[in-house]
Amino acid sequence: MRFQTLAEWLAWQETLHPQAIDLGLGRVKSVLERMDLGAEAPFTITVGGTNGKGSCVAMLDSIFRAAGYRVGTYTSPHILKYNERICIDGHPVGDERIIQSFDRIDRLRGDNSLSFFEFGTLTALDIFNDEPLDVRILEVGLGGRLDAVNAITADVALVASIDIDHREWLGDTREKIGAEKAGIFRSGQVAVLGDPDVPCSVVAIAEQQGAKLSVLGKDFGYEHGGLSWTWFHGTRVLKDLPVPSIPGAHQFMNASAVLEVLNGSFAKRPVDEKAIRSGLSNVKLSGRFQFFPGTVPVLLDVAHNPQAVRMLKAYLLERFSESRIHAVFSVMRDKDIAEIIYEIKDQVDDWYLAPLKMTRAAQPEDLAKMMRKGGVDQVYSGFNNVMEAVDAAKSSARSGDLVLVFGSFFLVSEFLANAV
């Protein structure tokens, strides 16, 4: 075995491939052919989209498990531990099992220099193959068409939303990005789009593939008000459903798309209304409008693209319209930073730029220059770590204020690692 600890394996994988992001299915398919995963795969749902992927996976997992199914989920990135990426019935797989799979893939990969994400995807598939699963739910990492997860043919595909992100790899319009996201659709299989603003490219790809496309606002929908909501598809109606326990009005869109996936899966994996209600009520997901009460309360969110930030802004206006907002912020430099700042700057009173120990991260000094150029003056930097930035934001707060920690998953991860 090449290494003995999970940390050693992960550090090596980060250097194995010359590019951190290198889209394409050739390497993964080559190794998959050698892995002999068996002819019988569990019922598979692939979840893609710009935002909402993690929420949709969490809801599907919660509902299917409430219905009595044994479920495997593969998600990324993780918040605190790598093991969170590969879960069976809600429990992260242990280090030893992951290491065993890493070693097996390393021996089978031949000359393929797999990326970090490709190694993880193959590991999840390998582990799931050894488990008596009823359902496996696979979250797309980036895009769809050329993402490693798309090496698998799913029984149902869900695209939660489509917006501008990862321009360098996916394109700079919703039409181009939609075509990449729709690449997970398959002939004869159910394909769900949880975004009512449908790019023409998505419809075109679905027609080319012969997928059974179902779109929010056209084929299914929802209404909500107060403490309950209603989902409908044709004559099928579910009334007085519990509000999803993941906060945010946009979660009704995600939940509605999830119920459409369940509707399309019913013949093979039936789920009753009791399980739906239980799953929605009990679903949990870190880093999404996560609230920490206290003398100075903190709101945590992984909004790191314009669409997600617009959702965050709406939540702030709904819940914290009377509060002064002190934002602790950091993001990867390949994001649409100017647009992110523009979307939310009117809701933020001052900014505290946190450093992240990553080559992809935007440097606080560069963020500060960009903000001042965009008309944002109350900007502070020079902190040694995330928690120093958080403490500085808290020290500026008065009664009734809110500290907002948002942006990169890595920012949220560092906060949670030190706050719990």
Protein backbone atom coordinates (compact mmCIF):
# COMPACT_ATOMS: atom_id res chain seq x y z
CA MET A 1 0.00 0.00 0.00
CA ARG A 2 1.34 3.41 -1.00
CA PHE A 3 0.28 5.24 2.22
CA GLN A 4 -1.11 4.28 5.62
CA THR A 5 -3.23 7.29 6.57
CA LEU A 6 -6.10 9.11 4.89
CA ALA A 7 -4.29 12.44 5.20
CA GLU A 8 -1.27 11.07 3.32
CA TRP A 9 -3.44 9.68 0.53
CA LEU A 10 -5.32 12.96 0.13
CA ALA A 11 -2.16 15.06 0.07
CA TRP A 12 -0.72 12.81 -2.64
CA GLN A 13 -3.91 12.92 -4.72
CA GLU A 14 -3.77 16.71 -4.78
CA THR A 15 -0.42 16.49 -6.61
CA LEU A 16 -1.08 13.44 -8.80
CA HIS A 17 -2.75 15.21 -11.72
CA PRO A 18 -1.18 18.33 -13.28
CA GLN A 19 -4.49 20.24 -13.21
CA ALA A 20 -6.85 20.59 -10.25
CA ILE A 21 -9.81 20.79 -12.66
CA ASP A 22 -9.49 18.82 -15.89
CA LEU A 23 -12.90 17.90 -17.29
CA GLY A 24 -13.27 14.72 -19.33
CA LEU A 25 -14.55 11.17 -18.95
CA GLY A 26 -11.73 9.22 -20.55
CA ARG A 27 -9.62 8.63 -17.45
CA VAL A 28 -12.53 7.68 -15.21
CA LYS A 29 -14.10 5.34 -17.77
CA SER A 30 -10.75 3.65 -18.34
CA VAL A 31 -10.39 2.86 -14.63
CA LEU A 32 -14.07 1.93 -14.26
CA GLU A 33 -13.62 -0.76 -16.92
CA ARG A 34 -10.87 -2.33 -14.83
CA MET A 35 -12.76 -2.13 -11.53
CA ASP A 36 -15.32 -4.83 -12.39
CA LEU A 37 -18.12 -3.28 -10.35
CA GLY A 38 -20.64 -5.87 -11.47
CA ALA A 39 -23.55 -5.74 -13.84
CA GLU A 40 -26.21 -4.91 -11.24
CA ALA A 41 -26.02 -1.31 -10.05
CA PRO A 42 -28.43 0.09 -7.47
CA PHE A 43 -31.10 2.57 -8.52
CA THR A 44 -29.13 5.74 -9.27
CA ILE A 45 -30.01 9.43 -9.17
CA THR A 46 -27.56 12.00 -10.49
CA VAL A 47 -27.92 15.56 -9.17
CA GLY A 48 -26.39 18.55 -10.97
CA GLY A 49 -26.95 22.29 -11.17
CA THR A 50 -25.31 25.59 -10.31
CA ASN A 51 -26.88 25.85 -6.85
CA GLY A 52 -29.11 23.60 -4.79
CA LYS A 53 -27.31 20.32 -5.49
CA GLY A 54 -26.37 19.67 -1.88
CA SER A 55 -29.84 20.55 -0.62
CA CYS A 56 -31.51 18.25 -3.14
CA VAL A 57 -29.19 15.36 -2.30
CA ALA A 58 -29.85 15.87 1.41
CA MET A 59 -33.63 15.89 0.90
CA LEU A 60 -33.61 12.84 -1.34
CA ASP A 61 -31.44 10.96 1.13
CA SER A 62 -33.64 11.91 4.08
CA ILE A 63 -36.87 10.93 2.32
CA PHE A 64 -35.61 7.64 0.90
CA ARG A 65 -34.22 6.61 4.28
CA ALA A 66 -37.51 7.56 5.94
CA ALA A 67 -39.15 5.18 3.47
CA GLY A 68 -36.89 2.35 4.66
CA TYR A 69 -34.39 2.28 1.79
CA ARG A 70 -30.64 1.84 2.28
CA VAL A 71 -29.01 4.87 0.65
CA GLY A 72 -25.51 5.83 -0.42
CA THR A 73 -24.68 9.48 -1.14
CA TYR A 74 -21.65 11.01 -2.82
CA THR A 75 -21.27 14.78 -2.45
CA SER A 76 -18.58 17.45 -2.64
CA PRO A 77 -16.92 19.41 -1.29
CA HIS A 78 -16.93 18.38 2.35
CA ILE A 79 -17.32 20.79 5.26
CA LEU A 80 -15.19 19.31 8.06
CA LYS A 81 -13.92 15.86 7.04
CA TYR A 82 -13.31 14.20 3.69
CA ASN A 83 -15.37 11.21 4.87
CA GLU A 84 -18.54 13.34 4.63
CA ARG A 85 -18.34 12.97 0.85
CA ILE A 86 -19.22 9.26 0.99
CA CYS A 87 -22.09 8.35 3.28
CA ILE A 88 -24.16 5.22 3.78
CA ASP A 89 -27.51 5.69 5.49
CA GLY A 90 -26.43 9.12 6.65
CA HIS A 91 -23.12 8.00 8.18
CA PRO A 92 -19.73 8.94 6.72
CA VAL A 93 -17.61 5.96 5.71
CA GLY A 94 -14.57 5.36 7.96
CA ASP A 95 -10.94 6.07 7.10
CA GLU A 96 -9.93 2.41 6.74
CA ARG A 97 -12.61 1.62 4.17
CA ILE A 98 -11.70 4.69 2.11
CA ILE A 99 -7.99 3.84 2.28
CA GLN A 100 -8.68 0.30 1.07
CA SER A 101 -10.54 1.69 -1.93
CA PHE A 102 -7.84 4.28 -2.64
CA ASP A 103 -5.27 1.47 -2.74
CA ARG A 104 -7.41 -0.65 -5.08
CA ILE A 105 -7.92 2.25 -7.49
CA ASP A 106 -4.24 3.17 -7.36
CA ARG A 107 -3.34 -0.37 -8.40
CA LEU A 108 -5.91 -0.41 -11.19
CA ARG A 109 -5.44 3.06 -12.66
CA GLY A 110 -2.34 2.19 -14.69
CA ASP A 111 -0.95 5.29 -16.39
CA ASN A 112 -4.05 7.40 -15.63
CA SER A 113 -3.11 10.42 -13.47
CA LEU A 114 -6.50 10.92 -11.87
CA SER A 115 -7.58 14.28 -10.49
CA PHE A 116 -8.53 14.64 -6.81
CA PHE A 117 -12.25 14.59 -7.68
CA GLU A 118 -11.91 11.66 -10.08
CA PHE A 119 -10.17 9.60 -7.41
CA GLY A 120 -12.97 10.40 -4.96
CA THR A 121 -15.72 9.58 -7.45
CA LEU A 122 -14.22 6.19 -8.24
CA THR A 123 -13.79 5.52 -4.53
CA ALA A 124 -17.45 6.24 -3.83
CA LEU A 125 -18.56 3.93 -6.64
CA ASP A 126 -16.22 1.21 -5.39
CA ILE A 127 -17.50 1.44 -1.81
CA PHE A 128 -21.14 1.56 -2.90
CA ASN A 129 -20.58 -1.55 -4.98
CA ASP A 130 -19.74 -3.50 -1.81
CA GLU A 131 -22.87 -2.36 0.02
CA PRO A 132 -26.43 -3.71 -0.37
CA LEU A 133 -27.82 -0.34 -1.40
CA ASP A 134 -31.32 0.33 -2.64
CA VAL A 135 -30.49 3.82 -3.89
CA ARG A 136 -27.29 5.72 -4.66
CA ILE A 137 -27.37 9.49 -5.09
CA LEU A 138 -24.41 11.07 -6.89
CA GLU A 139 -23.75 14.81 -6.88
CA VAL A 140 -22.06 16.26 -9.95
CA GLY A 141 -18.90 18.16 -9.11
CA LEU A 142 -18.65 20.72 -11.93
CA GLY A 143 -20.85 21.08 -15.01
CA GLY A 144 -22.27 17.73 -15.98
CA ARG A 145 -21.43 16.52 -19.45
CA LEU A 146 -17.71 16.03 -18.75
CA ASP A 147 -17.86 15.60 -14.97
CA ALA A 148 -16.52 12.31 -13.56
CA VAL A 149 -19.94 11.44 -12.10
CA ASN A 150 -21.37 11.40 -15.63
CA ALA A 151 -19.40 8.24 -16.39
CA ILE A 152 -22.33 6.52 -14.68
CA THR A 153 -25.72 6.11 -16.37
CA ALA A 154 -28.37 7.22 -13.90
CA ASP A 155 -32.00 6.13 -13.73
CA VAL A 156 -33.08 9.73 -13.00
CA ALA A 157 -31.21 13.00 -13.51
CA LEU A 158 -31.95 16.24 -11.67
CA VAL A 159 -30.59 19.68 -12.56
CA ALA A 160 -31.50 21.89 -9.62
CA SER A 161 -30.73 25.30 -11.14
CA ILE A 162 -28.77 27.02 -13.90
CA ASP A 163 -26.81 30.23 -13.53
CA ILE A 164 -23.42 31.75 -14.28
CA ASP A 165 -20.53 30.05 -12.50
CA HIS A 166 -17.24 28.43 -13.53
CA ARG A 167 -17.14 30.53 -16.72
CA GLU A 168 -13.66 29.29 -17.61
CA TRP A 169 -14.86 25.71 -17.96
CA LEU A 170 -18.60 25.91 -18.70
CA GLY A 171 -19.12 29.10 -20.70
CA ASP A 172 -20.31 32.63 -20.00
CA THR A 173 -24.04 32.36 -20.77
CA ARG A 174 -26.91 30.37 -19.27
CA GLU A 175 -27.43 28.71 -22.66
CA LYS A 176 -23.87 27.38 -22.75
CA ILE A 177 -23.93 26.36 -19.09
CA GLY A 178 -27.36 24.76 -19.50
CA ALA A 179 -26.04 22.56 -22.30
CA GLU A 180 -23.23 21.35 -20.01
CA LYS A 181 -25.59 20.69 -17.10
CA ALA A 182 -28.05 18.81 -19.34
CA GLY A 183 -25.26 16.44 -20.35
CA ILE A 184 -26.31 14.17 -17.46
CA PHE A 185 -29.66 13.40 -19.19
CA ARG A 186 -30.10 9.90 -20.61
CA SER A 187 -32.26 8.34 -23.31
CA GLY A 188 -35.61 7.12 -22.05
CA GLN A 189 -34.92 8.24 -18.48
CA VAL A 190 -36.63 10.89 -16.35
CA ALA A 191 -34.85 14.27 -16.36
CA VAL A 192 -35.99 17.00 -13.95
CA LEU A 193 -35.16 20.71 -14.14
CA GLY A 194 -35.83 22.64 -10.93
CA ASP A 195 -35.36 26.06 -12.56
CA PRO A 196 -38.44 27.68 -14.15
CA ASP A 197 -36.26 29.89 -16.40
CA VAL A 198 -35.45 27.20 -18.94
CA PRO A 199 -32.53 27.69 -21.35
CA CYS A 200 -33.37 26.52 -24.87
CA SER A 201 -30.19 24.44 -24.82
CA VAL A 202 -31.57 22.25 -22.02
CA VAL A 203 -34.72 21.45 -23.99
CA ALA A 204 -32.65 20.76 -27.11
CA ILE A 205 -30.29 18.38 -25.27
CA ALA A 206 -33.22 16.55 -23.67
CA GLU A 207 -34.83 16.09 -27.09
CA GLN A 208 -31.55 14.92 -28.66
CA GLN A 209 -31.03 12.42 -25.86
CA GLY A 210 -34.63 11.25 -25.84
CA ALA A 211 -34.92 12.05 -22.13
CA LYS A 212 -38.28 12.54 -20.43
CA LEU A 213 -37.88 16.17 -19.40
CA SER A 214 -40.02 17.61 -16.63
CA VAL A 215 -39.69 21.33 -15.82
CA LEU A 216 -40.67 23.35 -12.75
CA GLY A 217 -43.49 25.74 -13.59
CA LYS A 218 -44.50 23.78 -16.67
CA ASP A 219 -44.90 20.10 -15.74
CA PHE A 220 -44.97 20.42 -11.95
CA GLY A 221 -45.10 23.20 -9.40
CA TYR A 222 -45.70 24.33 -5.84
CA GLU A 223 -47.46 26.95 -3.74
CA HIS A 224 -46.43 27.93 -0.24
CA GLY A 225 -47.62 30.12 2.56
CA GLY A 226 -47.30 30.11 6.31
CA LEU A 227 -46.18 26.84 7.86
CA SER A 228 -46.98 24.51 4.97
CA TRP A 229 -46.88 24.18 1.20
CA THR A 230 -48.46 22.25 -1.68
CA TRP A 231 -46.79 20.31 -4.50
CA PHE A 232 -48.61 19.29 -7.68
CA HIS A 233 -48.05 17.44 -10.94
CA GLY A 234 -51.14 17.13 -13.10
CA THR A 235 -53.86 15.59 -10.97
CA ARG A 236 -51.45 14.45 -8.26
CA VAL A 237 -51.43 16.92 -5.37
CA LEU A 238 -49.70 16.77 -1.98
CA LYS A 239 -51.14 19.33 0.42
CA ASP A 240 -50.06 20.74 3.78
CA LEU A 241 -46.49 19.52 3.43
CA PRO A 242 -44.04 20.55 6.16
CA VAL A 243 -41.60 23.33 5.35
CA PRO A 244 -38.15 21.84 4.62
CA SER A 245 -35.94 22.11 7.69
CA ILE A 246 -33.14 23.67 5.59
CA PRO A 247 -33.90 27.42 5.78
CA GLY A 248 -34.61 29.70 2.83
CA ALA A 249 -37.51 30.37 0.47
CA HIS A 250 -35.52 28.88 -2.42
CA GLN A 251 -35.70 25.50 -0.70
CA PHE A 252 -39.30 25.20 -1.87
CA MET A 253 -37.96 25.09 -5.43
CA ASN A 254 -35.43 22.44 -4.46
CA ALA A 255 -38.00 20.42 -2.53
CA SER A 256 -40.48 20.65 -5.41
CA ALA A 257 -37.85 19.27 -7.82
CA VAL A 258 -37.03 16.51 -5.35
CA LEU A 259 -40.69 15.47 -5.20
CA GLU A 260 -40.76 15.41 -9.00
CA VAL A 261 -37.76 13.05 -8.93
CA LEU A 262 -39.65 10.82 -6.50
CA ASN A 263 -42.68 10.96 -8.76
CA GLY A 264 -40.56 9.81 -11.71
CA SER A 265 -38.94 7.09 -9.59
CA PHE A 266 -42.15 5.73 -8.11
CA ALA A 267 -42.40 2.63 -10.30
CA LYS A 268 -38.97 1.38 -9.15
CA ARG A 269 -38.57 3.02 -5.73
CA PRO A 270 -42.01 3.93 -4.36
CA VAL A 271 -42.15 6.41 -1.48
CA ASP A 272 -45.30 7.15 0.50
CA GLU A 273 -46.48 10.52 1.75
CA LYS A 274 -45.54 9.74 5.35
CA ALA A 275 -41.88 9.28 4.34
CA ILE A 276 -41.95 12.52 2.34
CA ARG A 277 -43.25 14.45 5.34
CA SER A 278 -40.73 12.89 7.69
CA GLY A 279 -37.84 13.39 5.29
CA LEU A 280 -38.59 17.07 4.69
CA SER A 281 -39.04 17.74 8.41
CA ASN A 282 -35.79 16.07 9.45
CA VAL A 283 -33.33 16.88 6.66
CA LYS A 284 -30.09 18.48 7.82
CA LEU A 285 -27.33 20.25 5.90
CA SER A 286 -24.47 22.34 7.27
CA GLY A 287 -23.51 25.72 5.88
CA ARG A 288 -26.84 26.71 4.34
CA PHE A 289 -28.33 29.69 6.20
CA GLN A 290 -26.98 28.06 9.35
CA PHE A 291 -27.70 30.24 12.38
CA PHE A 292 -25.66 30.46 15.58
CA PRO A 293 -27.43 32.41 18.32
CA GLY A 294 -25.49 34.38 20.89
CA THR A 295 -24.67 37.85 22.15
CA VAL A 296 -23.59 38.51 18.57
CA PRO A 297 -25.43 35.98 16.36
CA VAL A 298 -23.73 34.51 13.30
CA LEU A 299 -25.31 33.43 10.01
CA LEU A 300 -23.29 31.00 7.90
CA ASP A 301 -23.77 30.35 4.18
CA VAL A 302 -21.76 28.91 1.29
CA ALA A 303 -23.08 31.40 -1.28
CA HIS A 304 -20.19 31.81 -3.73
CA ASN A 305 -21.81 32.80 -7.02
CA PRO A 306 -24.26 35.57 -8.00
CA GLN A 307 -27.39 33.39 -7.98
CA ALA A 308 -26.66 32.02 -4.51
CA VAL A 309 -25.87 35.51 -3.23
CA ARG A 310 -29.19 36.81 -4.55
CA MET A 311 -30.91 34.09 -2.51
CA LEU A 312 -28.85 35.07 0.53
CA LYS A 313 -29.77 38.73 0.04
CA ALA A 314 -33.49 37.83 -0.07
CA TYR A 315 -33.11 35.85 3.16
CA LEU A 316 -31.39 38.77 4.88
CA LEU A 317 -34.14 41.15 3.80
CA GLU A 318 -36.77 38.69 5.05
CA ARG A 319 -35.21 37.81 8.40
CA PHE A 320 -32.69 40.51 9.30
CA SER A 321 -33.95 43.70 7.64
CA GLU A 322 -33.48 45.71 10.85
CA SER A 323 -29.99 44.40 11.63
CA ARG A 324 -26.63 45.91 10.77
CA ILE A 325 -24.70 43.26 8.83
CA HIS A 326 -20.98 42.68 9.37
CA ALA A 327 -19.75 40.35 6.62
CA VAL A 328 -16.79 37.98 6.89
CA PHE A 329 -16.02 37.03 3.31
CA SER A 330 -13.65 34.96 1.19
CA VAL A 331 -14.01 33.29 -2.17
CA MET A 332 -12.04 31.57 -4.88
CA ARG A 333 -10.46 33.97 -7.36
CA ASP A 334 -12.10 32.26 -10.38
CA LYS A 335 -15.58 33.32 -9.19
CA ASP A 336 -17.56 36.30 -10.50
CA ILE A 337 -16.41 38.39 -7.54
CA ALA A 338 -17.50 41.77 -8.86
CA GLU A 339 -21.05 40.54 -9.41
CA ILE A 340 -21.15 38.82 -6.00
CA ILE A 341 -20.20 42.08 -4.30
CA TYR A 342 -22.65 44.11 -6.40
CA GLU A 343 -25.56 41.82 -5.51
CA ILE A 344 -25.22 42.16 -1.73
CA LYS A 345 -23.23 45.33 -1.00
CA ASP A 346 -26.32 47.37 -0.09
CA GLN A 347 -27.19 44.92 2.70
CA VAL A 348 -23.70 44.85 4.25
CA ASP A 349 -22.45 47.62 6.55
CA ASP A 350 -18.81 46.54 6.68
CA TRP A 351 -16.59 43.76 5.34
CA TYR A 352 -13.88 41.65 7.00
CA LEU A 353 -11.81 39.77 4.45
CA ALA A 354 -10.59 36.42 5.72
CA PRO A 355 -7.47 34.70 4.35
CA LEU A 356 -7.64 31.11 3.12
CA LYS A 357 -4.55 28.93 2.79
CA MET A 358 -5.29 27.87 -0.77
CA THR A 359 -3.70 28.78 -4.08
CA ARG A 360 -7.15 29.18 -5.69
CA ALA A 361 -8.36 31.64 -3.06
CA ALA A 362 -8.61 35.34 -3.86
CA GLN A 363 -6.17 37.31 -1.71
CA PRO A 364 -7.79 39.71 0.77
CA GLU A 365 -5.76 42.63 -0.61
CA ASP A 366 -7.05 41.94 -4.13
CA LEU A 367 -10.62 41.66 -2.84
CA ALA A 368 -10.25 44.96 -1.01
CA LYS A 369 -9.09 46.74 -4.18
CA MET A 370 -12.01 45.27 -6.14
CA MET A 371 -14.50 46.32 -3.47
CA ARG A 372 -13.25 49.88 -3.25
CA LYS A 373 -13.37 50.12 -7.03
CA GLY A 374 -17.01 49.03 -6.78
CA GLY A 375 -17.85 51.72 -4.26
CA VAL A 376 -17.48 49.67 -1.06
CA ASP A 377 -15.45 51.65 1.51
CA GLN A 378 -15.85 49.87 4.85
CA VAL A 379 -13.39 47.05 4.15
CA TYR A 380 -10.92 45.52 6.60
CA SER A 381 -8.15 43.00 5.93
CA GLY A 382 -4.79 41.95 7.37
CA PHE A 383 -6.13 39.11 9.51
CA ASN A 384 -4.05 35.99 10.11
CA ASN A 385 -6.95 33.56 9.86
CA VAL A 386 -10.72 33.27 9.55
CA MET A 387 -11.48 33.46 13.27
CA GLU A 388 -9.49 36.69 13.64
CA ALA A 389 -11.73 38.20 10.97
CA VAL A 390 -14.83 36.86 12.74
CA ASP A 391 -13.67 38.26 16.09
CA ALA A 392 -13.04 41.65 14.49
CA ALA A 393 -16.54 41.64 12.99
CA LYS A 394 -18.06 40.70 16.35
CA SER A 395 -16.14 43.45 18.14
CA SER A 396 -17.76 46.01 15.82
CA ALA A 397 -21.25 44.71 16.46
CA ARG A 398 -23.90 46.30 18.63
CA SER A 399 -27.05 44.79 20.08
CA GLY A 400 -29.28 43.54 17.28
CA ASP A 401 -26.45 43.24 14.74
CA LEU A 402 -25.57 40.12 12.76
CA VAL A 403 -22.22 38.70 11.66
CA LEU A 404 -22.57 37.07 8.25
CA VAL A 405 -19.88 34.53 7.32
CA PHE A 406 -20.30 33.69 3.64
CA GLY A 407 -18.54 32.69 0.45
CA SER A 408 -16.27 29.71 -0.08
CA PHE A 409 -16.96 26.26 1.36
CA PHE A 410 -13.43 26.47 2.77
CA LEU A 411 -14.30 29.63 4.70
CA VAL A 412 -17.39 27.96 6.16
CA SER A 413 -15.37 24.83 6.96
CA GLU A 414 -12.75 26.77 8.90
CA PHE A 415 -15.41 28.63 10.85
CA LEU A 416 -17.22 25.43 11.81
CA ALA A 417 -14.00 23.67 12.74
CA ASN A 418 -13.29 26.40 15.28
CA ALA A 419 -16.84 27.15 16.38
CA VAL A 420 -17.93 23.66 17.43
